[in-house]
Amino acid sequence: MNISKTVSMPAFRFNWIIMILLLGLDLGSKMWVRANVALYETTELLADFIDLTHVQNRGVSFSFLADLADTYRIPLIVGVSILAVVGMLYYQTRYWNELDFYSRSGLACVIPGAGGNLFDRTVYGHVTDFLHFHWYETSFFVNNLADCFISLGVVFFVLQLFFTKNDDVTSNSD
């Protein structure tokens, strides 16, 4: 099936509506945090589990590459992010009919998550994070809705491993 037929399919269009909504939720939540929560301000959301804490992540996951000079860090992270988002969009569009529910759902979560963080890095030079996950005094990470969407997408990809039958696997029993 060619790409023009794929993009005219109702399921594909619905998938795009979901991705646009997720992207809007992410960008809107970060905009709200930047406008209403002072940098490093913390408000308890769920006792001993989640706080609203405004931070700026200059790197990627767990602040990896955050100490790299801006002249290298921003083009590197933005460039890799653009390649990843464009690659996933191409893959999703090109192979839409071959993708199962889990792959479609995973991409529908990961693409807007990656796109939202890409937008932040391109416009601000950092990503606005605000959901601080911890268990009592043990801190795990601070992320945003985009990161949550990406994590949910990964869950869909892992579920695919458990719930999708692979007919190409053959048994070597004698």
C-alpha atoms as a PDB file:
ATOM      1  CA  MET A   1       0.000   0.000   0.000  1.00  0.00           C
ATOM      2  CA  ASN A   2       1.354   3.429  -0.844  1.00  0.00           C
ATOM      3  CA  ILE A   3       1.771   6.250   1.641  1.00  0.00           C
ATOM      4  CA  SER A   4      -1.126   8.340   0.294  1.00  0.00           C
ATOM      5  CA  LYS A   5      -3.516   5.447   0.961  1.00  0.00           C
ATOM      6  CA  THR A   6      -2.058   4.982   4.426  1.00  0.00           C
ATOM      7  CA  VAL A   7      -2.534   8.616   5.485  1.00  0.00           C
ATOM      8  CA  SER A   8      -6.156   8.528   4.291  1.00  0.00           C
ATOM      9  CA  MET A   9      -6.997   5.574   6.561  1.00  0.00           C
ATOM     10  CA  PRO A  10      -9.227   6.460   9.558  1.00  0.00           C
ATOM     11  CA  ALA A  11      -7.046   4.487  12.015  1.00  0.00           C
ATOM     12  CA  PHE A  12      -3.934   6.342  10.867  1.00  0.00           C
ATOM     13  CA  ARG A  13      -5.685   9.696  11.190  1.00  0.00           C
ATOM     14  CA  PHE A  14      -6.983   8.793  14.660  1.00  0.00           C
ATOM     15  CA  ASN A  15      -3.429   7.853  15.626  1.00  0.00           C
ATOM     16  CA  TRP A  16      -2.287  11.328  14.538  1.00  0.00           C
ATOM     17  CA  ILE A  17      -5.037  12.970  16.601  1.00  0.00           C
ATOM     18  CA  ILE A  18      -3.820  11.032  19.650  1.00  0.00           C
ATOM     19  CA  MET A  19      -0.212  12.060  18.979  1.00  0.00           C
ATOM     20  CA  ILE A  20      -1.168  15.724  18.565  1.00  0.00           C
ATOM     21  CA  LEU A  21      -3.166  15.632  21.809  1.00  0.00           C
ATOM     22  CA  LEU A  22      -0.257  14.055  23.698  1.00  0.00           C
ATOM     23  CA  LEU A  23       2.164  16.608  22.255  1.00  0.00           C
ATOM     24  CA  GLY A  24      -0.217  19.416  23.242  1.00  0.00           C
ATOM     25  CA  LEU A  25      -0.528  18.040  26.794  1.00  0.00           C
ATOM     26  CA  ASP A  26       3.238  17.892  27.129  1.00  0.00           C
ATOM     27  CA  LEU A  27       3.943  21.347  25.705  1.00  0.00           C
ATOM     28  CA  GLY A  28       1.040  22.893  27.631  1.00  0.00           C
ATOM     29  CA  SER A  29       2.121  21.357  30.939  1.00  0.00           C
ATOM     30  CA  LYS A  30       5.689  22.591  30.499  1.00  0.00           C
ATOM     31  CA  MET A  31       4.433  26.053  29.547  1.00  0.00           C
ATOM     32  CA  TRP A  32       2.273  26.117  32.679  1.00  0.00           C
ATOM     33  CA  VAL A  33       5.172  25.030  34.897  1.00  0.00           C
ATOM     34  CA  ARG A  34       7.531  27.663  33.422  1.00  0.00           C
ATOM     35  CA  ALA A  35       4.871  30.362  33.980  1.00  0.00           C
ATOM     36  CA  ASN A  36       3.608  29.320  37.427  1.00  0.00           C
ATOM     37  CA  VAL A  37       6.302  27.401  39.306  1.00  0.00           C
ATOM     38  CA  ALA A  38       9.575  29.060  40.249  1.00  0.00           C
ATOM     39  CA  LEU A  39      12.736  27.205  39.293  1.00  0.00           C
ATOM     40  CA  TYR A  40      13.542  24.589  41.978  1.00  0.00           C
ATOM     41  CA  GLU A  41      10.249  25.246  43.809  1.00  0.00           C
ATOM     42  CA  THR A  42       8.688  22.050  45.185  1.00  0.00           C
ATOM     43  CA  THR A  43       5.059  21.266  45.973  1.00  0.00           C
ATOM     44  CA  GLU A  44       3.967  17.872  47.266  1.00  0.00           C
ATOM     45  CA  LEU A  45       1.466  16.131  44.967  1.00  0.00           C
ATOM     46  CA  LEU A  46       1.353  12.612  46.457  1.00  0.00           C
ATOM     47  CA  ALA A  47       2.943  12.305  49.880  1.00  0.00           C
ATOM     48  CA  ASP A  48       6.307  10.519  49.818  1.00  0.00           C
ATOM     49  CA  PHE A  49       5.929   9.656  46.124  1.00  0.00           C
ATOM     50  CA  ILE A  50       5.494  12.584  43.645  1.00  0.00           C
ATOM     51  CA  ASP A  51       6.354  16.253  43.984  1.00  0.00           C
ATOM     52  CA  LEU A  52       5.896  19.112  41.540  1.00  0.00           C
ATOM     53  CA  THR A  53       9.453  20.446  41.206  1.00  0.00           C
ATOM     54  CA  HIS A  54      10.505  22.783  38.407  1.00  0.00           C
ATOM     55  CA  VAL A  55      13.978  21.919  37.079  1.00  0.00           C
ATOM     56  CA  GLN A  56      15.820  22.379  33.802  1.00  0.00           C
ATOM     57  CA  ASN A  57      17.487  19.305  32.315  1.00  0.00           C
ATOM     58  CA  ARG A  58      20.286  20.441  30.031  1.00  0.00           C
ATOM     59  CA  GLY A  59      21.149  16.881  28.989  1.00  0.00           C
ATOM     60  CA  VAL A  60      19.154  13.805  28.101  1.00  0.00           C
ATOM     61  CA  SER A  61      18.057  10.944  30.385  1.00  0.00           C
ATOM     62  CA  PHE A  62      19.361  11.418  33.916  1.00  0.00           C
ATOM     63  CA  SER A  63      21.138  14.629  32.735  1.00  0.00           C
ATOM     64  CA  PHE A  64      23.566  12.686  30.527  1.00  0.00           C
ATOM     65  CA  LEU A  65      25.678  15.155  28.463  1.00  0.00           C
ATOM     66  CA  ALA A  66      24.487  18.095  30.604  1.00  0.00           C
ATOM     67  CA  ASP A  67      28.069  19.205  31.283  1.00  0.00           C
ATOM     68  CA  LEU A  68      29.007  19.380  27.595  1.00  0.00           C
ATOM     69  CA  ALA A  69      29.454  22.934  26.272  1.00  0.00           C
ATOM     70  CA  ASP A  70      26.300  24.392  24.664  1.00  0.00           C
ATOM     71  CA  THR A  71      28.073  24.790  21.312  1.00  0.00           C
ATOM     72  CA  TYR A  72      28.390  20.994  21.112  1.00  0.00           C
ATOM     73  CA  ARG A  73      25.561  19.765  23.335  1.00  0.00           C
ATOM     74  CA  ILE A  74      22.600  21.522  21.728  1.00  0.00           C
ATOM     75  CA  PRO A  75      23.404  20.677  18.065  1.00  0.00           C
ATOM     76  CA  LEU A  76      24.287  17.103  19.024  1.00  0.00           C
ATOM     77  CA  ILE A  77      21.151  16.403  21.064  1.00  0.00           C
ATOM     78  CA  VAL A  78      18.832  18.325  18.716  1.00  0.00           C
ATOM     79  CA  GLY A  79      20.356  16.624  15.656  1.00  0.00           C
ATOM     80  CA  VAL A  80      20.013  13.126  17.097  1.00  0.00           C
ATOM     81  CA  SER A  81      16.478  13.922  18.273  1.00  0.00           C
ATOM     82  CA  ILE A  82      15.447  15.166  14.813  1.00  0.00           C
ATOM     83  CA  LEU A  83      16.812  11.995  13.220  1.00  0.00           C
ATOM     84  CA  ALA A  84      14.961   9.849  15.769  1.00  0.00           C
ATOM     85  CA  VAL A  85      11.608  11.628  15.372  1.00  0.00           C
ATOM     86  CA  VAL A  86      11.794  11.719  11.574  1.00  0.00           C
ATOM     87  CA  GLY A  87      12.872   8.068  11.501  1.00  0.00           C
ATOM     88  CA  MET A  88       9.973   6.987  13.722  1.00  0.00           C
ATOM     89  CA  LEU A  89       7.478   9.033  11.683  1.00  0.00           C
ATOM     90  CA  TYR A  90       8.754   7.463   8.468  1.00  0.00           C
ATOM     91  CA  TYR A  91       8.668   3.966   9.956  1.00  0.00           C
ATOM     92  CA  GLN A  92       5.157   4.449  11.339  1.00  0.00           C
ATOM     93  CA  THR A  93       3.845   5.765   8.013  1.00  0.00           C
ATOM     94  CA  ARG A  94       5.703   3.326   5.748  1.00  0.00           C
ATOM     95  CA  TYR A  95       4.870   0.189   7.747  1.00  0.00           C
ATOM     96  CA  TRP A  96       1.488   1.181   9.203  1.00  0.00           C
ATOM     97  CA  ASN A  97      -0.355  -1.839   7.786  1.00  0.00           C
ATOM     98  CA  GLU A  98       2.252  -4.278   9.110  1.00  0.00           C
ATOM     99  CA  LEU A  99       2.306  -2.823  12.624  1.00  0.00           C
ATOM    100  CA  ASP A 100       0.259  -4.468  15.360  1.00  0.00           C
ATOM    101  CA  PHE A 101      -1.684  -2.668  18.102  1.00  0.00           C
ATOM    102  CA  TYR A 102       1.289  -2.628  20.491  1.00  0.00           C
ATOM    103  CA  SER A 103       3.713  -1.157  17.941  1.00  0.00           C
ATOM    104  CA  ARG A 104       1.218   1.465  16.815  1.00  0.00           C
ATOM    105  CA  SER A 105       0.443   2.398  20.418  1.00  0.00           C
ATOM    106  CA  GLY A 106       4.118   2.468  21.358  1.00  0.00           C
ATOM    107  CA  LEU A 107       4.967   4.799  18.494  1.00  0.00           C
ATOM    108  CA  ALA A 108       1.884   6.945  19.247  1.00  0.00           C
ATOM    109  CA  CYS A 109       3.364   7.556  22.711  1.00  0.00           C
ATOM    110  CA  VAL A 110       7.080   7.773  21.921  1.00  0.00           C
ATOM    111  CA  ILE A 111       6.836  10.145  18.931  1.00  0.00           C
ATOM    112  CA  PRO A 112       5.034  13.026  20.719  1.00  0.00           C
ATOM    113  CA  GLY A 113       7.222  12.494  23.780  1.00  0.00           C
ATOM    114  CA  ALA A 114      10.391  12.772  21.733  1.00  0.00           C
ATOM    115  CA  GLY A 115       8.890  15.674  19.779  1.00  0.00           C
ATOM    116  CA  GLY A 116       7.968  17.593  22.931  1.00  0.00           C
ATOM    117  CA  ASN A 117      11.461  17.270  24.368  1.00  0.00           C
ATOM    118  CA  LEU A 118      12.942  18.147  20.972  1.00  0.00           C
ATOM    119  CA  PHE A 119      10.869  21.346  20.950  1.00  0.00           C
ATOM    120  CA  ASP A 120      12.152  22.301  24.412  1.00  0.00           C
ATOM    121  CA  ARG A 121      15.781  21.635  23.502  1.00  0.00           C
ATOM    122  CA  THR A 122      15.494  23.589  20.272  1.00  0.00           C
ATOM    123  CA  VAL A 123      13.709  26.624  21.749  1.00  0.00           C
ATOM    124  CA  TYR A 124      15.137  26.789  25.288  1.00  0.00           C
ATOM    125  CA  GLY A 125      18.374  24.782  25.154  1.00  0.00           C
ATOM    126  CA  HIS A 126      17.065  22.519  27.932  1.00  0.00           C
ATOM    127  CA  VAL A 127      14.023  20.421  28.797  1.00  0.00           C
ATOM    128  CA  THR A 128      11.590  21.560  31.486  1.00  0.00           C
ATOM    129  CA  ASP A 129      11.084  18.730  33.979  1.00  0.00           C
ATOM    130  CA  PHE A 130       8.655  18.886  36.895  1.00  0.00           C
ATOM    131  CA  LEU A 131       7.431  15.478  38.090  1.00  0.00           C
ATOM    132  CA  HIS A 132       9.802  14.418  40.872  1.00  0.00           C
ATOM    133  CA  PHE A 133       9.362  10.724  41.617  1.00  0.00           C
ATOM    134  CA  HIS A 134      10.712   9.519  44.956  1.00  0.00           C
ATOM    135  CA  TRP A 135      10.024   7.064  47.739  1.00  0.00           C
ATOM    136  CA  TYR A 136      10.179   8.924  51.018  1.00  0.00           C
ATOM    137  CA  GLU A 137      13.747  10.316  51.052  1.00  0.00           C
ATOM    138  CA  THR A 138      15.005   8.226  48.127  1.00  0.00           C
ATOM    139  CA  SER A 139      14.880  10.300  44.935  1.00  0.00           C
ATOM    140  CA  PHE A 140      14.547   8.526  41.606  1.00  0.00           C
ATOM    141  CA  PHE A 141      14.200  11.151  38.879  1.00  0.00           C
ATOM    142  CA  VAL A 142      12.469  14.322  37.775  1.00  0.00           C
ATOM    143  CA  ASN A 143      10.771  14.141  34.410  1.00  0.00           C
ATOM    144  CA  ASN A 144       7.846  15.566  32.432  1.00  0.00           C
ATOM    145  CA  LEU A 145       4.819  14.261  30.541  1.00  0.00           C
ATOM    146  CA  ALA A 146       6.940  13.637  27.427  1.00  0.00           C
ATOM    147  CA  ASP A 147       9.152  11.304  29.447  1.00  0.00           C
ATOM    148  CA  CYS A 148       6.049   9.561  30.829  1.00  0.00           C
ATOM    149  CA  PHE A 149       4.710   9.113  27.286  1.00  0.00           C
ATOM    150  CA  ILE A 150       8.043   7.681  26.130  1.00  0.00           C
ATOM    151  CA  SER A 151       8.059   5.266  29.082  1.00  0.00           C
ATOM    152  CA  LEU A 152       4.483   4.209  28.310  1.00  0.00           C
ATOM    153  CA  GLY A 153       5.499   3.642  24.691  1.00  0.00           C
ATOM    154  CA  VAL A 154       8.327   1.378  25.830  1.00  0.00           C
ATOM    155  CA  VAL A 155       5.810  -0.575  27.939  1.00  0.00           C
ATOM    156  CA  PHE A 156       3.732  -1.147  24.778  1.00  0.00           C
ATOM    157  CA  PHE A 157       6.835  -2.408  22.936  1.00  0.00           C
ATOM    158  CA  VAL A 158       7.636  -4.801  25.811  1.00  0.00           C
ATOM    159  CA  LEU A 159       4.021  -6.014  25.965  1.00  0.00           C
ATOM    160  CA  GLN A 160       4.294  -6.801  22.270  1.00  0.00           C
ATOM    161  CA  LEU A 161       6.993  -9.332  23.125  1.00  0.00           C
ATOM    162  CA  PHE A 162       4.599 -11.171  25.438  1.00  0.00           C
ATOM    163  CA  PHE A 163       1.313 -10.928  23.552  1.00  0.00           C
ATOM    164  CA  THR A 164       2.212 -11.088  19.868  1.00  0.00           C
ATOM    165  CA  LYS A 165       2.550 -14.481  18.246  1.00  0.00           C
ATOM    166  CA  ASN A 166       5.548 -14.817  15.959  1.00  0.00           C
ATOM    167  CA  ASP A 167       4.818 -17.332  13.182  1.00  0.00           C
ATOM    168  CA  ASP A 168       8.395 -17.146  11.866  1.00  0.00           C
ATOM    169  CA  VAL A 169       9.820 -19.020  14.857  1.00  0.00           C
ATOM    170  CA  THR A 170      10.258 -22.713  14.200  1.00  0.00           C
ATOM    171  CA  SER A 171      10.852 -25.498  16.667  1.00  0.00           C
ATOM    172  CA  ASN A 172      14.102 -27.465  16.557  1.00  0.00           C
ATOM    173  CA  SER A 173      12.778 -30.484  18.446  1.00  0.00           C
ATOM    174  CA  ASP A 174      13.822 -33.885  17.145  1.00  0.00           C
END
